[in-house]
Every structure is written in structure tokens, then in C-alpha cells.
N, C-alpha and C. Protein backbone atom coordinates (compact mmCIF):
# COMPACT_ATOMS: atom_id res chain seq x y z
N UNK A 1 -10.28 13.35 -4.45
CA UNK A 1 -10.27 14.00 -5.76
C UNK A 1 -10.76 15.44 -5.63
N UNK A 2 -11.84 15.65 -4.86
CA UNK A 2 -12.38 17.00 -4.71
C UNK A 2 -11.39 17.92 -4.00
N UNK A 3 -10.64 17.38 -3.06
CA UNK A 3 -9.74 18.20 -2.27
C UNK A 3 -8.45 18.54 -3.01
N UNK A 4 -7.84 17.54 -3.68
CA UNK A 4 -6.53 17.80 -4.28
C UNK A 4 -6.49 17.71 -5.79
N UNK A 5 -7.59 17.30 -6.42
CA UNK A 5 -7.68 17.37 -7.87
C UNK A 5 -7.08 16.20 -8.62
N UNK A 6 -6.52 15.24 -7.92
CA UNK A 6 -5.98 14.06 -8.58
C UNK A 6 -5.99 12.91 -7.59
N UNK A 7 -5.99 11.70 -8.14
CA UNK A 7 -6.06 10.52 -7.27
C UNK A 7 -4.70 10.22 -6.64
N UNK A 8 -3.66 10.16 -7.47
CA UNK A 8 -2.35 9.77 -6.96
C UNK A 8 -1.47 10.99 -6.70
N UNK A 9 -0.67 10.89 -5.66
CA UNK A 9 0.18 11.99 -5.25
C UNK A 9 1.41 12.14 -6.14
N UNK A 10 2.01 11.02 -6.53
CA UNK A 10 3.32 11.04 -7.16
C UNK A 10 3.25 10.51 -8.59
N UNK A 11 3.67 11.35 -9.54
CA UNK A 11 3.71 10.96 -10.95
C UNK A 11 5.01 10.27 -11.31
N UNK A 12 6.04 10.51 -10.52
CA UNK A 12 7.33 9.87 -10.74
C UNK A 12 7.98 9.61 -9.38
N UNK A 13 8.91 8.65 -9.36
CA UNK A 13 9.64 8.28 -8.14
C UNK A 13 11.12 8.21 -8.47
N UNK A 14 11.93 8.96 -7.74
CA UNK A 14 13.37 8.93 -7.92
C UNK A 14 13.91 7.70 -7.17
N UNK A 15 14.18 6.65 -7.92
CA UNK A 15 14.56 5.37 -7.30
C UNK A 15 15.81 5.50 -6.44
N UNK A 16 16.74 6.35 -6.84
CA UNK A 16 18.00 6.48 -6.10
C UNK A 16 17.82 7.13 -4.74
N UNK A 17 16.68 7.78 -4.53
CA UNK A 17 16.38 8.37 -3.22
C UNK A 17 15.22 7.65 -2.54
N UNK A 18 15.02 6.39 -2.93
CA UNK A 18 13.89 5.61 -2.45
C UNK A 18 14.35 4.38 -1.69
N UNK A 19 13.64 4.06 -0.61
CA UNK A 19 13.89 2.83 0.13
C UNK A 19 12.60 2.02 0.19
N UNK A 20 12.73 0.74 -0.06
CA UNK A 20 11.64 -0.20 0.16
C UNK A 20 11.79 -0.73 1.58
N UNK A 21 10.84 -0.40 2.44
CA UNK A 21 10.86 -0.85 3.84
C UNK A 21 9.89 -2.02 3.97
N UNK A 22 10.43 -3.20 4.22
CA UNK A 22 9.63 -4.43 4.30
C UNK A 22 9.48 -4.78 5.77
N UNK A 23 8.24 -4.75 6.24
CA UNK A 23 7.96 -4.81 7.66
C UNK A 23 7.42 -6.17 8.09
N UNK A 24 8.09 -6.78 9.06
CA UNK A 24 7.59 -7.96 9.78
C UNK A 24 7.34 -9.19 8.91
N UNK A 25 8.06 -9.32 7.81
CA UNK A 25 7.91 -10.53 7.00
C UNK A 25 8.86 -11.59 7.54
N UNK A 26 8.54 -12.05 8.74
CA UNK A 26 9.36 -12.99 9.51
C UNK A 26 8.51 -14.16 9.95
N UNK A 27 9.16 -15.20 10.49
CA UNK A 27 8.44 -16.43 10.82
C UNK A 27 7.30 -16.21 11.81
N UNK A 28 7.46 -15.29 12.75
CA UNK A 28 6.41 -15.02 13.73
C UNK A 28 5.08 -14.71 13.07
N UNK A 29 5.12 -14.07 11.90
CA UNK A 29 3.90 -13.64 11.23
C UNK A 29 3.59 -14.45 9.97
N UNK A 30 4.59 -15.07 9.39
CA UNK A 30 4.41 -15.75 8.10
C UNK A 30 4.26 -17.26 8.21
N UNK A 31 4.77 -17.87 9.25
CA UNK A 31 4.78 -19.33 9.35
C UNK A 31 3.41 -19.87 9.77
N UNK A 32 2.90 -20.88 9.07
CA UNK A 32 1.63 -21.49 9.49
C UNK A 32 1.70 -21.98 10.93
N UNK A 33 0.71 -21.58 11.73
CA UNK A 33 0.66 -21.98 13.12
C UNK A 33 1.47 -21.13 14.06
N UNK A 34 2.18 -20.13 13.55
CA UNK A 34 2.96 -19.23 14.41
C UNK A 34 2.02 -18.44 15.31
N UNK A 35 2.49 -17.97 16.47
CA UNK A 35 1.60 -17.32 17.43
C UNK A 35 0.93 -16.05 16.93
N UNK A 36 1.55 -15.39 15.96
CA UNK A 36 0.95 -14.17 15.41
C UNK A 36 0.77 -14.29 13.90
N UNK A 37 0.42 -15.48 13.44
CA UNK A 37 0.33 -15.76 12.00
C UNK A 37 -0.66 -14.83 11.30
N UNK A 38 -0.23 -14.31 10.16
CA UNK A 38 -1.09 -13.58 9.23
C UNK A 38 -1.10 -14.40 7.95
N UNK A 39 -2.08 -15.27 7.75
CA UNK A 39 -2.05 -16.20 6.61
C UNK A 39 -1.83 -15.52 5.25
N UNK A 40 -2.44 -14.35 5.06
CA UNK A 40 -2.32 -13.69 3.75
C UNK A 40 -0.93 -13.12 3.51
N UNK A 41 -0.09 -13.10 4.54
CA UNK A 41 1.28 -12.60 4.33
C UNK A 41 2.03 -13.44 3.30
N UNK A 42 1.68 -14.71 3.22
CA UNK A 42 2.38 -15.58 2.27
C UNK A 42 1.96 -15.30 0.82
N UNK A 43 0.87 -14.59 0.64
CA UNK A 43 0.38 -14.28 -0.71
C UNK A 43 1.08 -13.07 -1.32
N UNK A 44 1.84 -12.31 -0.52
CA UNK A 44 2.47 -11.10 -1.04
C UNK A 44 3.97 -11.29 -1.28
N UNK A 45 4.44 -12.52 -1.18
CA UNK A 45 5.87 -12.78 -1.34
C UNK A 45 6.35 -12.43 -2.74
N UNK A 46 5.64 -12.88 -3.76
CA UNK A 46 6.06 -12.63 -5.14
C UNK A 46 6.09 -11.13 -5.46
N UNK A 47 5.06 -10.35 -5.12
CA UNK A 47 5.15 -8.91 -5.39
C UNK A 47 6.30 -8.23 -4.66
N UNK A 48 6.55 -8.63 -3.41
CA UNK A 48 7.66 -8.03 -2.67
C UNK A 48 8.99 -8.34 -3.35
N UNK A 49 9.19 -9.60 -3.72
CA UNK A 49 10.43 -9.98 -4.39
C UNK A 49 10.62 -9.21 -5.70
N UNK A 50 9.53 -9.05 -6.43
CA UNK A 50 9.60 -8.36 -7.72
C UNK A 50 9.94 -6.87 -7.54
N UNK A 51 9.32 -6.25 -6.55
CA UNK A 51 9.58 -4.83 -6.32
C UNK A 51 11.00 -4.62 -5.79
N UNK A 52 11.44 -5.49 -4.89
CA UNK A 52 12.79 -5.37 -4.34
C UNK A 52 13.83 -5.48 -5.45
N UNK A 53 13.65 -6.43 -6.34
CA UNK A 53 14.59 -6.61 -7.44
C UNK A 53 14.61 -5.39 -8.35
N UNK A 54 13.44 -4.84 -8.64
CA UNK A 54 13.36 -3.68 -9.53
C UNK A 54 14.01 -2.46 -8.88
N UNK A 55 13.81 -2.28 -7.59
CA UNK A 55 14.38 -1.11 -6.93
C UNK A 55 15.89 -1.23 -6.81
N UNK A 56 16.39 -2.42 -6.48
CA UNK A 56 17.85 -2.59 -6.44
C UNK A 56 18.45 -2.25 -7.80
N UNK A 57 17.85 -2.74 -8.87
CA UNK A 57 18.36 -2.51 -10.22
C UNK A 57 18.35 -1.02 -10.56
N UNK A 58 17.36 -0.29 -10.01
CA UNK A 58 17.23 1.14 -10.31
C UNK A 58 18.06 2.01 -9.38
N UNK A 59 18.75 1.39 -8.41
CA UNK A 59 19.66 2.15 -7.56
C UNK A 59 19.14 2.52 -6.20
N UNK A 60 17.98 1.97 -5.80
CA UNK A 60 17.42 2.24 -4.48
C UNK A 60 17.88 1.23 -3.45
N UNK A 61 17.37 1.39 -2.21
CA UNK A 61 17.77 0.52 -1.11
C UNK A 61 16.58 -0.30 -0.63
N UNK A 62 16.88 -1.52 -0.20
CA UNK A 62 15.89 -2.42 0.38
C UNK A 62 16.23 -2.62 1.85
N UNK A 63 15.25 -2.37 2.72
CA UNK A 63 15.45 -2.46 4.16
C UNK A 63 14.45 -3.44 4.75
N UNK A 64 14.95 -4.45 5.42
CA UNK A 64 14.11 -5.44 6.09
C UNK A 64 13.99 -5.04 7.56
N UNK A 65 12.78 -4.80 8.01
CA UNK A 65 12.55 -4.35 9.38
C UNK A 65 11.71 -5.41 10.09
N UNK A 66 12.32 -6.15 11.00
CA UNK A 66 11.61 -7.20 11.74
C UNK A 66 11.37 -6.77 13.17
N UNK A 67 10.36 -7.38 13.79
CA UNK A 67 9.96 -6.98 15.14
C UNK A 67 10.65 -7.86 16.18
N UNK A 68 11.12 -7.22 17.26
CA UNK A 68 11.76 -7.95 18.35
C UNK A 68 11.48 -7.24 19.66
N UNK A 69 11.18 -8.01 20.70
CA UNK A 69 11.06 -7.49 22.05
C UNK A 69 11.85 -8.37 23.00
N UNK A 70 12.61 -7.75 23.87
CA UNK A 70 13.36 -8.50 24.86
C UNK A 70 12.39 -9.13 25.85
N UNK A 71 12.49 -10.43 26.04
CA UNK A 71 11.60 -11.14 26.96
C UNK A 71 12.37 -11.83 28.07
N UNK A 72 11.86 -11.71 29.32
CA UNK A 72 12.50 -12.34 30.47
C UNK A 72 11.41 -12.93 31.37
N UNK A 73 11.47 -14.24 31.60
CA UNK A 73 10.56 -14.90 32.54
C UNK A 73 9.10 -14.54 32.28
N UNK A 74 8.67 -14.80 31.07
CA UNK A 74 7.28 -14.57 30.67
C UNK A 74 6.88 -13.09 30.74
N UNK A 75 7.88 -12.21 30.71
CA UNK A 75 7.62 -10.79 30.67
C UNK A 75 8.32 -10.21 29.44
N UNK A 76 8.18 -8.91 29.23
CA UNK A 76 8.71 -8.31 28.02
C UNK A 76 9.00 -6.84 28.25
N UNK A 77 9.81 -6.26 27.35
CA UNK A 77 10.07 -4.82 27.43
C UNK A 77 8.92 -3.98 26.89
N UNK A 78 7.82 -4.65 26.47
CA UNK A 78 6.62 -3.93 26.04
C UNK A 78 5.43 -4.50 26.81
N UNK A 79 5.43 -4.28 28.11
CA UNK A 79 4.43 -4.90 28.98
C UNK A 79 3.01 -4.49 28.61
N UNK A 80 2.81 -3.26 28.22
CA UNK A 80 1.46 -2.80 27.88
C UNK A 80 0.84 -3.65 26.79
N UNK A 81 1.64 -4.02 25.80
CA UNK A 81 1.13 -4.86 24.72
C UNK A 81 0.92 -6.29 25.19
N UNK A 82 1.96 -6.90 25.74
CA UNK A 82 1.89 -8.33 26.05
C UNK A 82 0.93 -8.64 27.21
N UNK A 83 0.75 -7.70 28.16
CA UNK A 83 -0.14 -7.96 29.29
C UNK A 83 -1.61 -7.70 28.96
N UNK A 84 -1.88 -6.86 27.95
CA UNK A 84 -3.26 -6.47 27.69
C UNK A 84 -3.81 -6.89 26.33
N UNK A 85 -2.93 -7.14 25.37
CA UNK A 85 -3.40 -7.45 24.02
C UNK A 85 -3.10 -8.88 23.58
N UNK A 86 -2.44 -9.65 24.45
CA UNK A 86 -2.10 -11.03 24.12
C UNK A 86 -2.65 -11.93 25.22
N UNK A 87 -3.42 -12.95 24.84
CA UNK A 87 -4.04 -13.83 25.83
C UNK A 87 -3.00 -14.68 26.54
N UNK A 88 -3.37 -15.16 27.73
CA UNK A 88 -2.44 -15.91 28.57
C UNK A 88 -1.88 -17.14 27.85
N UNK A 89 -2.72 -17.80 27.06
CA UNK A 89 -2.30 -19.08 26.48
C UNK A 89 -1.31 -18.94 25.33
N UNK A 90 -1.13 -17.72 24.81
CA UNK A 90 -0.14 -17.54 23.74
C UNK A 90 0.96 -16.55 24.12
N UNK A 91 0.89 -15.97 25.32
CA UNK A 91 1.87 -14.94 25.69
C UNK A 91 3.30 -15.47 25.65
N UNK A 92 3.53 -16.61 26.29
CA UNK A 92 4.89 -17.15 26.35
C UNK A 92 5.43 -17.46 24.96
N UNK A 93 4.59 -18.06 24.11
CA UNK A 93 5.02 -18.38 22.75
C UNK A 93 5.34 -17.12 21.97
N UNK A 94 4.52 -16.09 22.16
CA UNK A 94 4.73 -14.85 21.42
C UNK A 94 6.01 -14.15 21.87
N UNK A 95 6.22 -14.08 23.18
CA UNK A 95 7.44 -13.45 23.70
C UNK A 95 8.67 -14.20 23.21
N UNK A 96 8.62 -15.53 23.27
CA UNK A 96 9.75 -16.32 22.79
C UNK A 96 9.99 -16.09 21.31
N UNK A 97 8.91 -16.05 20.53
CA UNK A 97 9.04 -15.90 19.08
C UNK A 97 9.61 -14.54 18.71
N UNK A 98 9.30 -13.51 19.51
CA UNK A 98 9.74 -12.16 19.20
C UNK A 98 11.02 -11.76 19.92
N UNK A 99 11.64 -12.69 20.62
CA UNK A 99 12.90 -12.39 21.30
C UNK A 99 14.03 -12.28 20.28
N UNK A 100 14.92 -11.29 20.43
CA UNK A 100 16.05 -11.15 19.50
C UNK A 100 16.85 -12.44 19.43
N UNK A 101 17.12 -12.89 18.22
CA UNK A 101 17.88 -14.12 18.03
C UNK A 101 17.02 -15.37 18.00
N UNK A 102 15.75 -15.24 18.33
CA UNK A 102 14.85 -16.38 18.29
C UNK A 102 14.49 -16.76 16.87
N UNK A 103 13.91 -17.95 16.71
CA UNK A 103 13.58 -18.43 15.37
C UNK A 103 12.54 -17.55 14.69
N UNK A 104 11.70 -16.91 15.47
CA UNK A 104 10.66 -16.06 14.90
C UNK A 104 11.20 -14.83 14.20
N UNK A 105 12.48 -14.51 14.46
CA UNK A 105 13.11 -13.35 13.83
C UNK A 105 13.53 -13.62 12.40
N UNK A 106 13.59 -14.86 12.00
CA UNK A 106 14.09 -15.19 10.68
C UNK A 106 13.16 -14.66 9.58
N UNK A 107 13.75 -13.98 8.62
CA UNK A 107 12.96 -13.53 7.47
C UNK A 107 12.45 -14.76 6.72
N UNK A 108 11.19 -14.70 6.32
CA UNK A 108 10.55 -15.85 5.69
C UNK A 108 11.38 -16.35 4.51
N UNK A 109 11.56 -17.66 4.46
CA UNK A 109 12.56 -18.25 3.57
C UNK A 109 12.27 -18.06 2.08
N UNK A 110 11.05 -17.76 1.71
CA UNK A 110 10.72 -17.57 0.29
C UNK A 110 11.02 -16.16 -0.20
N UNK A 111 11.42 -15.29 0.69
CA UNK A 111 11.75 -13.92 0.31
C UNK A 111 13.21 -13.83 -0.12
N UNK A 112 13.48 -13.03 -1.14
CA UNK A 112 14.82 -12.89 -1.69
C UNK A 112 15.55 -11.74 -0.99
N UNK A 113 16.52 -12.08 -0.16
CA UNK A 113 17.32 -11.09 0.55
C UNK A 113 18.70 -11.01 -0.10
N UNK A 114 19.09 -9.79 -0.44
CA UNK A 114 20.38 -9.58 -1.10
C UNK A 114 21.41 -9.08 -0.08
N UNK A 115 22.68 -9.36 -0.36
CA UNK A 115 23.75 -8.92 0.54
C UNK A 115 23.80 -7.40 0.69
N UNK A 116 23.29 -6.69 -0.30
CA UNK A 116 23.30 -5.23 -0.25
C UNK A 116 22.16 -4.66 0.60
N UNK A 117 21.22 -5.49 1.00
CA UNK A 117 20.08 -5.03 1.77
C UNK A 117 20.48 -4.70 3.21
N UNK A 118 19.67 -3.90 3.86
CA UNK A 118 19.87 -3.51 5.26
C UNK A 118 18.83 -4.23 6.12
N UNK A 119 19.25 -4.71 7.30
CA UNK A 119 18.35 -5.38 8.23
C UNK A 119 18.32 -4.61 9.54
N UNK A 120 17.12 -4.33 10.03
CA UNK A 120 16.93 -3.59 11.27
C UNK A 120 15.89 -4.28 12.14
N UNK A 121 15.99 -4.09 13.46
CA UNK A 121 14.95 -4.48 14.39
C UNK A 121 14.13 -3.26 14.79
N UNK A 122 12.84 -3.49 15.08
CA UNK A 122 12.01 -2.48 15.75
C UNK A 122 11.34 -3.15 16.94
N UNK A 123 10.94 -2.35 17.94
CA UNK A 123 10.28 -2.94 19.10
C UNK A 123 8.92 -2.34 19.41
N UNK A 124 8.38 -1.59 18.44
CA UNK A 124 7.01 -1.08 18.53
C UNK A 124 6.37 -1.23 17.16
N UNK A 125 5.07 -0.98 17.06
CA UNK A 125 4.40 -1.12 15.77
C UNK A 125 5.11 -0.28 14.70
N UNK A 126 5.27 1.00 14.97
CA UNK A 126 5.92 1.88 14.01
C UNK A 126 7.43 1.75 14.11
N UNK A 127 8.07 1.63 12.97
CA UNK A 127 9.54 1.60 12.95
C UNK A 127 10.13 3.00 13.08
N UNK A 128 9.26 4.03 13.09
CA UNK A 128 9.76 5.40 13.11
C UNK A 128 9.38 6.17 14.36
N UNK A 129 8.63 5.55 15.26
CA UNK A 129 8.36 6.23 16.53
C UNK A 129 9.65 6.28 17.33
N UNK A 130 9.80 7.33 18.12
CA UNK A 130 11.05 7.54 18.86
C UNK A 130 11.43 6.31 19.69
N UNK A 131 12.66 5.85 19.51
CA UNK A 131 13.19 4.73 20.28
C UNK A 131 12.89 3.36 19.73
N UNK A 132 12.07 3.27 18.68
CA UNK A 132 11.68 1.96 18.16
C UNK A 132 12.78 1.27 17.36
N UNK A 133 13.50 2.04 16.54
CA UNK A 133 14.52 1.45 15.68
C UNK A 133 15.48 2.52 15.20
N UNK A 134 16.46 2.12 14.42
CA UNK A 134 17.42 3.05 13.82
C UNK A 134 17.01 3.47 12.41
N UNK A 135 15.78 3.18 12.03
CA UNK A 135 15.37 3.40 10.65
C UNK A 135 15.54 4.84 10.21
N UNK A 136 15.05 5.79 10.99
CA UNK A 136 15.14 7.19 10.55
C UNK A 136 16.60 7.60 10.33
N UNK A 137 17.48 7.23 11.27
CA UNK A 137 18.89 7.59 11.13
C UNK A 137 19.47 7.00 9.85
N UNK A 138 19.14 5.75 9.55
CA UNK A 138 19.64 5.11 8.34
C UNK A 138 19.13 5.83 7.10
N UNK A 139 17.85 6.16 7.08
CA UNK A 139 17.27 6.83 5.93
C UNK A 139 17.91 8.19 5.69
N UNK A 140 18.09 8.96 6.77
CA UNK A 140 18.69 10.29 6.63
C UNK A 140 20.14 10.17 6.12
N UNK A 141 20.87 9.18 6.61
CA UNK A 141 22.27 9.03 6.21
C UNK A 141 22.39 8.64 4.74
N UNK A 142 21.36 7.99 4.20
CA UNK A 142 21.36 7.57 2.81
C UNK A 142 20.71 8.60 1.88
N UNK A 143 20.27 9.72 2.45
CA UNK A 143 19.59 10.78 1.68
C UNK A 143 18.33 10.25 0.99
N UNK A 144 17.60 9.41 1.72
CA UNK A 144 16.34 8.86 1.22
C UNK A 144 15.21 9.85 1.50
N UNK A 145 14.35 10.09 0.50
CA UNK A 145 13.20 10.95 0.74
C UNK A 145 11.86 10.27 0.47
N UNK A 146 11.90 9.04 -0.06
CA UNK A 146 10.67 8.32 -0.41
C UNK A 146 10.70 6.92 0.16
N UNK A 147 9.61 6.51 0.80
CA UNK A 147 9.51 5.17 1.36
C UNK A 147 8.39 4.40 0.68
N UNK A 148 8.73 3.20 0.20
CA UNK A 148 7.74 2.24 -0.28
C UNK A 148 7.55 1.23 0.85
N UNK A 149 6.33 1.05 1.30
CA UNK A 149 6.10 0.22 2.47
C UNK A 149 5.37 -1.06 2.07
N UNK A 150 6.00 -2.19 2.40
CA UNK A 150 5.43 -3.51 2.20
C UNK A 150 5.42 -4.25 3.54
N UNK A 151 4.68 -5.37 3.59
CA UNK A 151 4.73 -6.22 4.77
C UNK A 151 3.39 -6.43 5.43
N UNK A 152 3.44 -6.72 6.72
CA UNK A 152 2.25 -7.06 7.48
C UNK A 152 2.36 -6.54 8.91
N UNK A 153 1.23 -6.20 9.53
CA UNK A 153 -0.10 -6.10 8.97
C UNK A 153 -0.27 -4.73 8.34
N UNK A 154 -1.04 -4.67 7.27
CA UNK A 154 -1.29 -3.40 6.58
C UNK A 154 -1.76 -2.33 7.55
N UNK A 155 -2.73 -2.70 8.40
CA UNK A 155 -3.42 -1.73 9.26
C UNK A 155 -2.75 -1.52 10.61
N UNK A 156 -1.66 -2.23 10.89
CA UNK A 156 -1.00 -2.07 12.18
C UNK A 156 0.41 -1.52 11.98
N UNK A 157 1.38 -2.37 11.79
CA UNK A 157 2.77 -1.90 11.70
C UNK A 157 3.05 -1.11 10.42
N UNK A 158 2.45 -1.53 9.31
CA UNK A 158 2.68 -0.80 8.06
C UNK A 158 2.05 0.58 8.11
N UNK A 159 0.78 0.64 8.53
CA UNK A 159 0.11 1.94 8.60
C UNK A 159 0.75 2.84 9.65
N UNK A 160 1.12 2.29 10.80
CA UNK A 160 1.75 3.09 11.84
C UNK A 160 3.06 3.71 11.33
N UNK A 161 3.85 2.92 10.62
CA UNK A 161 5.11 3.42 10.06
C UNK A 161 4.85 4.47 8.99
N UNK A 162 3.84 4.23 8.15
CA UNK A 162 3.51 5.18 7.10
C UNK A 162 3.08 6.53 7.68
N UNK A 163 2.26 6.50 8.71
CA UNK A 163 1.81 7.74 9.34
C UNK A 163 3.00 8.53 9.89
N UNK A 164 3.87 7.85 10.63
CA UNK A 164 5.02 8.55 11.21
C UNK A 164 5.98 9.03 10.14
N UNK A 165 6.12 8.28 9.06
CA UNK A 165 7.00 8.70 7.97
C UNK A 165 6.52 10.01 7.36
N UNK A 166 5.23 10.12 7.13
CA UNK A 166 4.68 11.36 6.57
C UNK A 166 4.90 12.52 7.55
N UNK A 167 4.71 12.26 8.85
CA UNK A 167 4.91 13.30 9.85
C UNK A 167 6.36 13.78 9.89
N UNK A 168 7.29 12.90 9.48
CA UNK A 168 8.71 13.24 9.44
C UNK A 168 9.14 13.77 8.07
N UNK A 169 8.14 14.05 7.21
CA UNK A 169 8.37 14.68 5.90
C UNK A 169 8.98 13.76 4.85
N UNK A 170 8.82 12.45 5.00
CA UNK A 170 9.12 11.53 3.92
C UNK A 170 7.91 11.42 3.00
N UNK A 171 8.16 11.20 1.72
CA UNK A 171 7.10 10.84 0.79
C UNK A 171 6.82 9.35 0.97
N UNK A 172 5.56 8.99 1.07
CA UNK A 172 5.17 7.63 1.45
C UNK A 172 4.31 7.00 0.37
N UNK A 173 4.62 5.74 0.06
CA UNK A 173 3.77 4.94 -0.82
C UNK A 173 3.50 3.61 -0.14
N UNK A 174 2.23 3.33 0.12
CA UNK A 174 1.85 2.00 0.61
C UNK A 174 1.62 1.12 -0.61
N UNK A 175 2.27 -0.04 -0.63
CA UNK A 175 2.20 -0.93 -1.80
C UNK A 175 0.96 -1.81 -1.66
N UNK A 176 -0.02 -1.60 -2.51
CA UNK A 176 -1.32 -2.24 -2.33
C UNK A 176 -1.27 -3.76 -2.44
N UNK A 177 -0.43 -4.28 -3.34
CA UNK A 177 -0.33 -5.73 -3.49
C UNK A 177 0.91 -6.29 -2.79
N UNK A 178 1.54 -5.47 -1.95
CA UNK A 178 2.70 -5.91 -1.19
C UNK A 178 2.49 -5.79 0.31
N UNK A 179 1.24 -5.61 0.72
CA UNK A 179 0.88 -5.54 2.13
C UNK A 179 -0.27 -6.50 2.41
N UNK A 180 -0.37 -6.96 3.66
CA UNK A 180 -1.38 -7.96 3.99
C UNK A 180 -1.87 -7.76 5.42
N UNK A 181 -3.17 -8.04 5.62
CA UNK A 181 -3.79 -7.95 6.94
C UNK A 181 -4.57 -9.23 7.22
N UNK A 182 -5.27 -9.25 8.34
CA UNK A 182 -6.04 -10.44 8.71
C UNK A 182 -7.36 -10.53 7.96
N UNK A 183 -7.81 -9.42 7.35
CA UNK A 183 -9.04 -9.46 6.57
C UNK A 183 -8.93 -8.44 5.44
N UNK A 184 -9.71 -8.66 4.38
CA UNK A 184 -9.73 -7.71 3.27
C UNK A 184 -10.21 -6.34 3.74
N UNK A 185 -11.18 -6.33 4.66
CA UNK A 185 -11.72 -5.06 5.14
C UNK A 185 -10.65 -4.24 5.87
N UNK A 186 -9.90 -4.88 6.74
CA UNK A 186 -8.83 -4.16 7.45
C UNK A 186 -7.78 -3.64 6.47
N UNK A 187 -7.43 -4.45 5.50
CA UNK A 187 -6.45 -4.06 4.49
C UNK A 187 -6.92 -2.84 3.72
N UNK A 188 -8.17 -2.87 3.26
CA UNK A 188 -8.70 -1.78 2.43
C UNK A 188 -8.84 -0.49 3.23
N UNK A 189 -9.28 -0.60 4.47
CA UNK A 189 -9.43 0.61 5.30
C UNK A 189 -8.08 1.26 5.55
N UNK A 190 -7.04 0.45 5.79
CA UNK A 190 -5.70 1.01 6.00
C UNK A 190 -5.20 1.74 4.76
N UNK A 191 -5.45 1.17 3.59
CA UNK A 191 -5.05 1.83 2.35
C UNK A 191 -5.85 3.12 2.14
N UNK A 192 -7.12 3.09 2.50
CA UNK A 192 -7.95 4.29 2.38
C UNK A 192 -7.44 5.39 3.31
N UNK A 193 -7.12 5.03 4.55
CA UNK A 193 -6.55 6.01 5.48
C UNK A 193 -5.28 6.63 4.92
N UNK A 194 -4.44 5.79 4.34
CA UNK A 194 -3.17 6.27 3.82
C UNK A 194 -3.36 7.25 2.69
N UNK A 195 -4.16 6.88 1.69
CA UNK A 195 -4.27 7.74 0.51
C UNK A 195 -5.02 9.03 0.81
N UNK A 196 -5.86 9.01 1.86
CA UNK A 196 -6.57 10.23 2.23
C UNK A 196 -5.63 11.29 2.82
N UNK A 197 -4.67 10.84 3.67
CA UNK A 197 -3.93 11.82 4.46
C UNK A 197 -2.43 11.60 4.59
N UNK A 198 -1.93 10.39 4.30
CA UNK A 198 -0.56 10.09 4.69
C UNK A 198 0.38 9.72 3.55
N UNK A 199 -0.14 9.28 2.43
CA UNK A 199 0.75 8.88 1.34
C UNK A 199 -0.04 8.37 0.16
N UNK A 200 0.68 7.89 -0.82
CA UNK A 200 0.05 7.33 -2.01
C UNK A 200 -0.18 5.84 -1.80
N UNK A 201 -1.04 5.26 -2.60
CA UNK A 201 -1.29 3.82 -2.63
C UNK A 201 -1.14 3.37 -4.07
N UNK A 202 -0.14 2.53 -4.32
CA UNK A 202 0.16 2.08 -5.67
C UNK A 202 0.49 0.60 -5.67
N UNK A 203 0.24 -0.07 -6.79
CA UNK A 203 0.65 -1.46 -6.95
C UNK A 203 2.13 -1.51 -7.34
N UNK A 204 2.70 -2.70 -7.31
CA UNK A 204 4.10 -2.86 -7.72
C UNK A 204 4.29 -2.37 -9.15
N UNK A 205 3.41 -2.75 -10.06
CA UNK A 205 3.55 -2.32 -11.46
C UNK A 205 3.46 -0.82 -11.59
N UNK A 206 2.54 -0.20 -10.86
CA UNK A 206 2.41 1.27 -10.93
C UNK A 206 3.65 1.96 -10.38
N UNK A 207 4.27 1.37 -9.36
CA UNK A 207 5.49 1.96 -8.80
C UNK A 207 6.65 1.86 -9.78
N UNK A 208 6.87 0.67 -10.34
CA UNK A 208 8.01 0.51 -11.24
C UNK A 208 7.87 1.36 -12.50
N UNK A 209 6.65 1.62 -12.92
CA UNK A 209 6.43 2.51 -14.06
C UNK A 209 6.87 3.94 -13.75
N UNK A 210 6.88 4.29 -12.48
CA UNK A 210 7.22 5.66 -12.07
C UNK A 210 8.70 5.85 -11.78
N UNK A 211 9.49 4.79 -11.78
CA UNK A 211 10.94 4.95 -11.55
C UNK A 211 11.57 5.74 -12.68
């Protein structure tokens, strides 16, 4: 407030130039007992569905971005992550779950996916880091200038994507009730980081009021 004179960055949102980017809402992260389960991810399904429906109706785009890494013989195309950040007893399950075409790639069944939606894979935390996905190309081709970010984890893939989006001159909104982490503290810190330097933080209702 002292630095910029107001709490929220955006008083209005042009829905026709907006994309809702839904990150990692797939079985690997949403299914009970999955190797990378985020239990609170199941609590944000209703807000995501509500926001997606509102944005489609207002003329915006919904993009589902799921994580995938090519895995071969207990190895992966992201060795730094799987060799150092994943324990031996879950490495094989995680690689299998995140392999393209595997069951872990399936968008969680309670989420409403429309035929008009776009589906993309990413292979790093951020969907916008060089080489991770086709997201930036898709956004530029659609003349999108604003990203609404939902999904899991708030403080990992969602925040990483939000940071890179701002660096690429997109307007960014992290959806406070449409993102989930492993703890309330991690979730809140990620939202604090975002609103301080990288984008706005708004609830679904606050976003739809701005369309």
C-alpha cells in the first residue's frame, strides 16, 4: 500500500483477452494416495469450475496445463529433480505417474472440461520457462494479455508460472480460492510473494466482478 497506493493492481479485466491457466489438476496430484498427492487440491474444484464457466461465457479461454516427464528405466528427462528431490521408494511411481499417456496425466474427473478448452503439457515447474511447454506461443497467438492462475501447488508450479508470466509482460492474477498447497502457510506466503511483486491476488468472485 505504501509503495503503490492501492491493494489490488487491476480494477477491471478484459475477459476476451484473458486465459485461465489451470495447473497440474491431474491424478498425480489430486488422487488420494497418489505419489505426489496434494490433499487440499480437491477443495478447490468448485471454485475452478465456477471461474472456468464464467470466463468461457465472457469470451475468454481456459487452458489445462498438466505435468509430464518422459521416463525410461527408472530415469527421467528431469534427472535433477527425480534424483535429488524424490526419495528412492517413490521415484518409480512418480516417474510412471508423470509419464505422457500415463494414468496420472488424466485431469481430475470432478473438473469440468469443455471441448473449447486447450490442453497442454509442461515438463518443468513453470509452464513459461524456456522449453517447458507451448503455453507462451498459444497465448501470443490468441492475443492474451492477462493470466488467471489456478491449480497446485500454489507455491511451486503456480507461483513459478506467475513469476515468469510477469517477466514476459503478462498481467497476472493468482486466484486465492482456486490454488492449493501442502499447508496454509505455504499457500499464504506464495500469495504474498505474488501480490508484492508479480501480480494481483483475487478470489473467484472478485475476478468475475471485474469482467
